[in-house]
Amino acid sequence: MRLASSLFFAAAIMAADCSKTVYLTIDTGNMGPASEIAAVLKKQNVKATFFVASEKTTRGDMSMDASWAPFWKRLVADGHAFGSHTFRHWYFRKDLPGGKVAYVGREGKREALDRAGVCRELKKSEEVFRSLTGRGYDPIWRAPGGRTTPFALKAAAACGFKDHIGWAPAGFLGDELPSEKFPNKTLLSNALRDIRDGDVLVMHLGIWSRKDPWWPMLDPLITGLKAKGFCFATIPERRR
């Protein structure tokens, strides 16, 4: 009884001190630290917004293969939010004549997508996610690299993805940057110094190019932001 009262009192103090809100968003990546990141979120009781695409993983499969169903189901059960990150994780480069957009992949692959093509890219990700978890997406999306065009935005909105979600300058947590020039302690210090009320934060489920992975900084980042009076919410909660 005494323990329960103490926990309730601690929760009440935390709620009273929560005067600012940030929105942690996490994009798919190589999935190497995916389970560890999910464990940090659960430990900290933080709900994030995941933008999901089918990307190559450190296991040699793809992040939306059936082999990843248990992981995504776990996140759904934990109450996180989800949006489309396209299916193939190619990049929208520029609008083209005739109502199309250049969609560019690796090794020079390129397609010209019309409105239906953009919709297929966003919806295929959602359809596969639903088949894995039984849950669809919230009406939000993020283009790979955050790169959009006017046509891509209109096409996405026309098929139900009305809000494209970017991030705040201070919310770029830096896990894509070279660790030789941007060590973890520096990135963590900068984030704790610069993040402000209402900022959208961005990180990934593993980055191939970074030698010293950033994800171990997530736990101290959350702890530090909570100590400064921040609470965490999902993007759909921001839209209410």
C-alpha atoms as a PDB file:
ATOM      1  CA  MET A   1       0.000   0.000   0.000  1.00  0.00           C
ATOM      2  CA  ARG A   2       2.829   2.380   0.914  1.00  0.00           C
ATOM      3  CA  LEU A   3       4.633   1.568  -2.384  1.00  0.00           C
ATOM      4  CA  ALA A   4       1.497   2.214  -4.417  1.00  0.00           C
ATOM      5  CA  SER A   5       0.994   5.553  -2.658  1.00  0.00           C
ATOM      6  CA  SER A   6       4.594   6.532  -3.328  1.00  0.00           C
ATOM      7  CA  LEU A   7       4.300   5.707  -7.022  1.00  0.00           C
ATOM      8  CA  PHE A   8       1.050   7.664  -7.283  1.00  0.00           C
ATOM      9  CA  PHE A   9       2.662  10.658  -5.578  1.00  0.00           C
ATOM     10  CA  ALA A  10       5.686  10.505  -7.902  1.00  0.00           C
ATOM     11  CA  ALA A  11       3.422  10.322 -10.957  1.00  0.00           C
ATOM     12  CA  ALA A  12       1.417  13.291  -9.709  1.00  0.00           C
ATOM     13  CA  ILE A  13       4.581  15.357  -9.248  1.00  0.00           C
ATOM     14  CA  MET A  14       5.785  14.434 -12.757  1.00  0.00           C
ATOM     15  CA  ALA A  15       2.415  15.414 -14.257  1.00  0.00           C
ATOM     16  CA  ALA A  16       2.489  18.734 -12.406  1.00  0.00           C
ATOM     17  CA  ASP A  17       6.011  19.449 -13.625  1.00  0.00           C
ATOM     18  CA  CYS A  18       5.151  18.631 -17.240  1.00  0.00           C
ATOM     19  CA  SER A  19       4.774  22.166 -18.585  1.00  0.00           C
ATOM     20  CA  LYS A  20       6.138  21.573 -22.099  1.00  0.00           C
ATOM     21  CA  THR A  21       5.599  18.952 -24.806  1.00  0.00           C
ATOM     22  CA  VAL A  22       7.826  17.382 -27.437  1.00  0.00           C
ATOM     23  CA  TYR A  23       7.017  14.826 -30.122  1.00  0.00           C
ATOM     24  CA  LEU A  24       9.495  12.005 -30.652  1.00  0.00           C
ATOM     25  CA  THR A  25       9.330  10.536 -34.160  1.00  0.00           C
ATOM     26  CA  ILE A  26      11.300   7.508 -35.301  1.00  0.00           C
ATOM     27  CA  ASP A  27      11.862   6.441 -38.913  1.00  0.00           C
ATOM     28  CA  THR A  28      12.754   2.941 -40.024  1.00  0.00           C
ATOM     29  CA  GLY A  29      16.417   2.233 -40.685  1.00  0.00           C
ATOM     30  CA  ASN A  30      18.643  -0.831 -40.604  1.00  0.00           C
ATOM     31  CA  MET A  31      16.657  -2.080 -37.567  1.00  0.00           C
ATOM     32  CA  GLY A  32      19.804  -3.186 -35.719  1.00  0.00           C
ATOM     33  CA  PRO A  33      18.884  -1.483 -32.416  1.00  0.00           C
ATOM     34  CA  ALA A  34      15.105  -1.694 -32.927  1.00  0.00           C
ATOM     35  CA  SER A  35      14.425  -3.899 -29.900  1.00  0.00           C
ATOM     36  CA  GLU A  36      16.695  -1.827 -27.664  1.00  0.00           C
ATOM     37  CA  ILE A  37      14.970   1.402 -28.687  1.00  0.00           C
ATOM     38  CA  ALA A  38      11.548  -0.128 -28.043  1.00  0.00           C
ATOM     39  CA  ALA A  39      12.754  -1.218 -24.598  1.00  0.00           C
ATOM     40  CA  VAL A  40      13.917   2.317 -23.748  1.00  0.00           C
ATOM     41  CA  LEU A  41      10.537   3.744 -24.732  1.00  0.00           C
ATOM     42  CA  LYS A  42       8.725   1.181 -22.604  1.00  0.00           C
ATOM     43  CA  LYS A  43      11.020   1.784 -19.633  1.00  0.00           C
ATOM     44  CA  GLN A  44      10.479   5.541 -19.887  1.00  0.00           C
ATOM     45  CA  ASN A  45       6.740   5.190 -20.611  1.00  0.00           C
ATOM     46  CA  VAL A  46       7.157   7.349 -23.707  1.00  0.00           C
ATOM     47  CA  LYS A  47       4.933   7.024 -26.763  1.00  0.00           C
ATOM     48  CA  ALA A  48       6.584   7.812 -30.097  1.00  0.00           C
ATOM     49  CA  THR A  49       5.365   8.190 -33.674  1.00  0.00           C
ATOM     50  CA  PHE A  50       6.937   5.730 -36.115  1.00  0.00           C
ATOM     51  CA  PHE A  51       7.181   6.358 -39.855  1.00  0.00           C
ATOM     52  CA  VAL A  52       7.444   2.991 -41.530  1.00  0.00           C
ATOM     53  CA  ALA A  53       9.033   1.937 -44.835  1.00  0.00           C
ATOM     54  CA  SER A  54      10.449  -1.321 -46.162  1.00  0.00           C
ATOM     55  CA  GLU A  55      14.226  -1.013 -45.736  1.00  0.00           C
ATOM     56  CA  LYS A  56      17.097  -3.477 -45.741  1.00  0.00           C
ATOM     57  CA  THR A  57      18.039  -4.617 -42.241  1.00  0.00           C
ATOM     58  CA  THR A  58      21.122  -5.933 -40.495  1.00  0.00           C
ATOM     59  CA  ARG A  59      19.462  -9.366 -40.526  1.00  0.00           C
ATOM     60  CA  GLY A  60      19.491  -9.407 -44.326  1.00  0.00           C
ATOM     61  CA  ASP A  61      15.729  -9.118 -44.702  1.00  0.00           C
ATOM     62  CA  MET A  62      13.458  -6.078 -45.053  1.00  0.00           C
ATOM     63  CA  SER A  63      11.899  -4.122 -42.219  1.00  0.00           C
ATOM     64  CA  MET A  64       8.355  -4.880 -43.397  1.00  0.00           C
ATOM     65  CA  ASP A  65       8.890  -8.581 -44.042  1.00  0.00           C
ATOM     66  CA  ALA A  66       6.745 -11.029 -42.075  1.00  0.00           C
ATOM     67  CA  SER A  67       9.801 -11.747 -39.920  1.00  0.00           C
ATOM     68  CA  TRP A  68       9.335  -8.293 -38.349  1.00  0.00           C
ATOM     69  CA  ALA A  69       5.661  -8.766 -37.486  1.00  0.00           C
ATOM     70  CA  PRO A  70       6.365  -9.527 -33.786  1.00  0.00           C
ATOM     71  CA  PHE A  71       8.324  -6.293 -33.421  1.00  0.00           C
ATOM     72  CA  TRP A  72       5.666  -4.108 -35.037  1.00  0.00           C
ATOM     73  CA  LYS A  73       2.900  -5.860 -33.087  1.00  0.00           C
ATOM     74  CA  ARG A  74       4.795  -5.111 -29.904  1.00  0.00           C
ATOM     75  CA  LEU A  75       4.914  -1.418 -30.738  1.00  0.00           C
ATOM     76  CA  VAL A  76       1.209  -1.375 -31.584  1.00  0.00           C
ATOM     77  CA  ALA A  77       0.412  -3.057 -28.254  1.00  0.00           C
ATOM     78  CA  ASP A  78       2.547  -0.459 -26.461  1.00  0.00           C
ATOM     79  CA  GLY A  79       0.360   2.347 -27.842  1.00  0.00           C
ATOM     80  CA  HIS A  80       2.660   4.104 -30.297  1.00  0.00           C
ATOM     81  CA  ALA A  81       1.437   5.979 -33.385  1.00  0.00           C
ATOM     82  CA  PHE A  82       2.312   5.147 -36.993  1.00  0.00           C
ATOM     83  CA  GLY A  83       2.476   6.879 -40.369  1.00  0.00           C
ATOM     84  CA  SER A  84       3.670   6.111 -43.882  1.00  0.00           C
ATOM     85  CA  HIS A  85       7.302   6.614 -44.846  1.00  0.00           C
ATOM     86  CA  THR A  86       6.541   5.321 -48.380  1.00  0.00           C
ATOM     87  CA  PHE A  87       7.113   1.649 -49.163  1.00  0.00           C
ATOM     88  CA  ARG A  88      10.386   1.600 -51.089  1.00  0.00           C
ATOM     89  CA  HIS A  89      11.990   4.538 -49.277  1.00  0.00           C
ATOM     90  CA  TRP A  90      12.942   6.342 -52.478  1.00  0.00           C
ATOM     91  CA  TYR A  91      13.209  10.143 -52.696  1.00  0.00           C
ATOM     92  CA  PHE A  92      10.873  12.723 -54.205  1.00  0.00           C
ATOM     93  CA  ARG A  93      13.200  14.948 -56.210  1.00  0.00           C
ATOM     94  CA  LYS A  94      11.214  17.411 -58.308  1.00  0.00           C
ATOM     95  CA  ASP A  95       7.861  17.948 -59.980  1.00  0.00           C
ATOM     96  CA  LEU A  96       7.649  17.049 -63.647  1.00  0.00           C
ATOM     97  CA  PRO A  97       5.446  18.343 -66.470  1.00  0.00           C
ATOM     98  CA  GLY A  98       2.082  16.675 -66.888  1.00  0.00           C
ATOM     99  CA  GLY A  99       1.263  16.166 -63.238  1.00  0.00           C
ATOM    100  CA  LYS A 100       4.044  13.850 -62.091  1.00  0.00           C
ATOM    101  CA  VAL A 101       6.947  13.785 -59.646  1.00  0.00           C
ATOM    102  CA  ALA A 102      10.438  12.285 -60.016  1.00  0.00           C
ATOM    103  CA  TYR A 103      10.864   9.413 -57.549  1.00  0.00           C
ATOM    104  CA  VAL A 104      14.497   8.345 -57.281  1.00  0.00           C
ATOM    105  CA  GLY A 105      15.950   5.219 -55.692  1.00  0.00           C
ATOM    106  CA  ARG A 106      19.358   3.700 -55.256  1.00  0.00           C
ATOM    107  CA  GLU A 107      21.695   2.849 -58.130  1.00  0.00           C
ATOM    108  CA  GLY A 108      20.083   5.450 -60.366  1.00  0.00           C
ATOM    109  CA  LYS A 109      16.616   3.910 -60.363  1.00  0.00           C
ATOM    110  CA  ARG A 110      14.020   6.492 -61.280  1.00  0.00           C
ATOM    111  CA  GLU A 111      10.289   6.627 -61.868  1.00  0.00           C
ATOM    112  CA  ALA A 112       7.833   9.377 -62.762  1.00  0.00           C
ATOM    113  CA  LEU A 113       4.867   8.977 -60.428  1.00  0.00           C
ATOM    114  CA  ASP A 114       1.446  10.419 -61.132  1.00  0.00           C
ATOM    115  CA  ARG A 115      -1.071  11.016 -58.358  1.00  0.00           C
ATOM    116  CA  ALA A 116      -2.097   7.367 -58.266  1.00  0.00           C
ATOM    117  CA  GLY A 117       1.555   6.317 -58.139  1.00  0.00           C
ATOM    118  CA  VAL A 118       2.275   8.501 -55.114  1.00  0.00           C
ATOM    119  CA  CYS A 119      -0.797   7.092 -53.423  1.00  0.00           C
ATOM    120  CA  ARG A 120       0.300   3.524 -54.147  1.00  0.00           C
ATOM    121  CA  GLU A 121       3.674   4.158 -52.493  1.00  0.00           C
ATOM    122  CA  LEU A 122       2.057   5.506 -49.331  1.00  0.00           C
ATOM    123  CA  LYS A 123      -0.804   3.032 -49.218  1.00  0.00           C
ATOM    124  CA  LYS A 124       1.282  -0.073 -49.918  1.00  0.00           C
ATOM    125  CA  SER A 125       3.265   0.627 -46.774  1.00  0.00           C
ATOM    126  CA  GLU A 126       0.016   0.903 -44.826  1.00  0.00           C
ATOM    127  CA  GLU A 127      -1.480  -2.242 -46.376  1.00  0.00           C
ATOM    128  CA  VAL A 128       1.588  -4.312 -45.510  1.00  0.00           C
ATOM    129  CA  PHE A 129       1.677  -2.867 -41.990  1.00  0.00           C
ATOM    130  CA  ARG A 130      -1.979  -3.759 -41.497  1.00  0.00           C
ATOM    131  CA  SER A 131      -1.313  -7.299 -42.668  1.00  0.00           C
ATOM    132  CA  LEU A 132       1.484  -7.576 -40.085  1.00  0.00           C
ATOM    133  CA  THR A 133      -0.279  -5.959 -37.143  1.00  0.00           C
ATOM    134  CA  GLY A 134      -3.997  -5.580 -37.819  1.00  0.00           C
ATOM    135  CA  ARG A 135      -3.618  -1.793 -37.550  1.00  0.00           C
ATOM    136  CA  GLY A 136      -3.523   0.852 -40.255  1.00  0.00           C
ATOM    137  CA  TYR A 137      -1.743   4.197 -40.128  1.00  0.00           C
ATOM    138  CA  ASP A 138      -2.766   7.534 -38.758  1.00  0.00           C
ATOM    139  CA  PRO A 139      -3.382  10.056 -41.611  1.00  0.00           C
ATOM    140  CA  ILE A 140       0.209  11.298 -41.498  1.00  0.00           C
ATOM    141  CA  TRP A 141       3.343  10.656 -43.528  1.00  0.00           C
ATOM    142  CA  ARG A 142       6.972  11.606 -43.850  1.00  0.00           C
ATOM    143  CA  ALA A 143       8.849  11.562 -47.130  1.00  0.00           C
ATOM    144  CA  PRO A 144      12.274   9.896 -46.955  1.00  0.00           C
ATOM    145  CA  GLY A 145      14.791  12.542 -45.995  1.00  0.00           C
ATOM    146  CA  GLY A 146      11.859  14.878 -45.382  1.00  0.00           C
ATOM    147  CA  ARG A 147      12.045  15.842 -49.061  1.00  0.00           C
ATOM    148  CA  THR A 148       8.714  16.748 -50.612  1.00  0.00           C
ATOM    149  CA  THR A 149       7.413  18.615 -53.632  1.00  0.00           C
ATOM    150  CA  PRO A 150       4.154  20.554 -54.084  1.00  0.00           C
ATOM    151  CA  PHE A 151       2.760  17.781 -56.286  1.00  0.00           C
ATOM    152  CA  ALA A 152       3.741  14.998 -53.875  1.00  0.00           C
ATOM    153  CA  LEU A 153       2.066  16.837 -50.990  1.00  0.00           C
ATOM    154  CA  LYS A 154      -1.154  17.314 -52.958  1.00  0.00           C
ATOM    155  CA  ALA A 155      -1.172  13.719 -54.148  1.00  0.00           C
ATOM    156  CA  ALA A 156      -0.649  12.422 -50.617  1.00  0.00           C
ATOM    157  CA  ALA A 157      -3.427  14.594 -49.227  1.00  0.00           C
ATOM    158  CA  ALA A 158      -5.798  13.387 -51.953  1.00  0.00           C
ATOM    159  CA  CYS A 159      -5.416   9.782 -50.785  1.00  0.00           C
ATOM    160  CA  GLY A 160      -5.849  10.470 -47.088  1.00  0.00           C
ATOM    161  CA  PHE A 161      -2.382  11.441 -45.859  1.00  0.00           C
ATOM    162  CA  LYS A 162      -3.209  15.047 -45.134  1.00  0.00           C
ATOM    163  CA  ASP A 163      -0.301  15.977 -42.888  1.00  0.00           C
ATOM    164  CA  HIS A 164       3.354  15.701 -43.851  1.00  0.00           C
ATOM    165  CA  ILE A 165       5.464  15.712 -40.693  1.00  0.00           C
ATOM    166  CA  GLY A 166       8.880  17.331 -40.698  1.00  0.00           C
ATOM    167  CA  TRP A 167      10.955  18.166 -37.626  1.00  0.00           C
ATOM    168  CA  ALA A 168      12.328  21.152 -35.743  1.00  0.00           C
ATOM    169  CA  PRO A 169      15.955  22.213 -36.345  1.00  0.00           C
ATOM    170  CA  ALA A 170      16.806  21.374 -32.736  1.00  0.00           C
ATOM    171  CA  GLY A 171      14.811  18.168 -33.058  1.00  0.00           C
ATOM    172  CA  PHE A 172      17.246  16.729 -35.601  1.00  0.00           C
ATOM    173  CA  LEU A 173      19.009  14.454 -33.137  1.00  0.00           C
ATOM    174  CA  GLY A 174      21.932  13.793 -35.444  1.00  0.00           C
ATOM    175  CA  ASP A 175      21.986  10.006 -35.642  1.00  0.00           C
ATOM    176  CA  GLU A 176      22.694  10.275 -39.390  1.00  0.00           C
ATOM    177  CA  LEU A 177      25.780  12.447 -38.914  1.00  0.00           C
ATOM    178  CA  PRO A 178      29.351  11.063 -38.880  1.00  0.00           C
ATOM    179  CA  SER A 179      30.284  10.191 -35.321  1.00  0.00           C
ATOM    180  CA  GLU A 180      33.877  11.331 -35.870  1.00  0.00           C
ATOM    181  CA  LYS A 181      32.688  14.931 -36.253  1.00  0.00           C
ATOM    182  CA  PHE A 182      29.555  14.742 -34.126  1.00  0.00           C
ATOM    183  CA  PRO A 183      30.175  12.510 -31.086  1.00  0.00           C
ATOM    184  CA  ASN A 184      27.237  11.280 -29.070  1.00  0.00           C
ATOM    185  CA  LYS A 185      27.951  13.414 -26.006  1.00  0.00           C
ATOM    186  CA  THR A 186      27.976  16.564 -28.127  1.00  0.00           C
ATOM    187  CA  LEU A 187      24.715  15.681 -29.850  1.00  0.00           C
ATOM    188  CA  LEU A 188      23.064  14.893 -26.520  1.00  0.00           C
ATOM    189  CA  SER A 189      24.290  18.120 -24.953  1.00  0.00           C
ATOM    190  CA  ASN A 190      23.083  20.171 -27.920  1.00  0.00           C
ATOM    191  CA  ALA A 191      19.660  18.545 -27.858  1.00  0.00           C
ATOM    192  CA  LEU A 192      19.163  19.117 -24.140  1.00  0.00           C
ATOM    193  CA  ARG A 193      20.246  22.732 -24.574  1.00  0.00           C
ATOM    194  CA  ASP A 194      18.260  23.626 -27.686  1.00  0.00           C
ATOM    195  CA  ILE A 195      14.996  21.631 -27.753  1.00  0.00           C
ATOM    196  CA  ARG A 196      11.957  23.793 -27.083  1.00  0.00           C
ATOM    197  CA  ASP A 197       8.281  23.343 -26.302  1.00  0.00           C
ATOM    198  CA  GLY A 198       6.388  21.939 -29.300  1.00  0.00           C
ATOM    199  CA  ASP A 199       9.436  20.612 -31.146  1.00  0.00           C
ATOM    200  CA  VAL A 200       9.204  17.488 -33.286  1.00  0.00           C
ATOM    201  CA  LEU A 201      12.262  15.249 -32.795  1.00  0.00           C
ATOM    202  CA  VAL A 202      13.577  12.729 -35.330  1.00  0.00           C
ATOM    203  CA  MET A 203      15.772   9.650 -35.085  1.00  0.00           C
ATOM    204  CA  HIS A 204      15.980   6.249 -36.808  1.00  0.00           C
ATOM    205  CA  LEU A 205      15.864   2.557 -36.046  1.00  0.00           C
ATOM    206  CA  GLY A 206      19.539   2.212 -36.913  1.00  0.00           C
ATOM    207  CA  ILE A 207      21.792   4.064 -39.354  1.00  0.00           C
ATOM    208  CA  TRP A 208      24.277   2.208 -41.565  1.00  0.00           C
ATOM    209  CA  SER A 209      26.833   4.993 -41.932  1.00  0.00           C
ATOM    210  CA  ARG A 210      27.338   6.050 -38.321  1.00  0.00           C
ATOM    211  CA  LYS A 211      30.251   4.211 -36.678  1.00  0.00           C
ATOM    212  CA  ASP A 212      29.293   5.012 -33.073  1.00  0.00           C
ATOM    213  CA  PRO A 213      25.521   4.420 -32.925  1.00  0.00           C
ATOM    214  CA  TRP A 214      23.515   7.240 -31.419  1.00  0.00           C
ATOM    215  CA  TRP A 215      20.625   5.230 -29.977  1.00  0.00           C
ATOM    216  CA  PRO A 216      22.182   4.723 -26.478  1.00  0.00           C
ATOM    217  CA  MET A 217      21.691   8.481 -26.008  1.00  0.00           C
ATOM    218  CA  LEU A 218      17.912   8.071 -26.201  1.00  0.00           C
ATOM    219  CA  ASP A 219      17.544   7.054 -22.561  1.00  0.00           C
ATOM    220  CA  PRO A 220      19.548   9.985 -21.137  1.00  0.00           C
ATOM    221  CA  LEU A 221      17.858  12.341 -23.606  1.00  0.00           C
ATOM    222  CA  ILE A 222      14.400  11.376 -22.382  1.00  0.00           C
ATOM    223  CA  THR A 223      15.505  11.533 -18.751  1.00  0.00           C
ATOM    224  CA  GLY A 224      17.086  14.943 -19.282  1.00  0.00           C
ATOM    225  CA  LEU A 225      14.070  16.384 -21.081  1.00  0.00           C
ATOM    226  CA  LYS A 226      11.703  15.097 -18.404  1.00  0.00           C
ATOM    227  CA  ALA A 227      13.891  16.771 -15.780  1.00  0.00           C
ATOM    228  CA  LYS A 228      13.461  20.057 -17.681  1.00  0.00           C
ATOM    229  CA  GLY A 229       9.670  19.786 -17.529  1.00  0.00           C
ATOM    230  CA  PHE A 230       9.001  18.162 -20.907  1.00  0.00           C
ATOM    231  CA  CYS A 231       6.447  15.460 -21.514  1.00  0.00           C
ATOM    232  CA  PHE A 232       6.137  13.361 -24.683  1.00  0.00           C
ATOM    233  CA  ALA A 233       3.154  12.983 -26.984  1.00  0.00           C
ATOM    234  CA  THR A 234       2.463  11.440 -30.376  1.00  0.00           C
ATOM    235  CA  ILE A 235       1.825  13.424 -33.548  1.00  0.00           C
ATOM    236  CA  PRO A 236      -1.888  12.476 -33.624  1.00  0.00           C
ATOM    237  CA  GLU A 237      -2.197  13.855 -30.102  1.00  0.00           C
ATOM    238  CA  ARG A 238      -0.738  17.154 -31.315  1.00  0.00           C
ATOM    239  CA  ARG A 239      -3.445  17.385 -33.975  1.00  0.00           C
ATOM    240  CA  ARG A 240      -6.343  17.099 -31.503  1.00  0.00           C
END
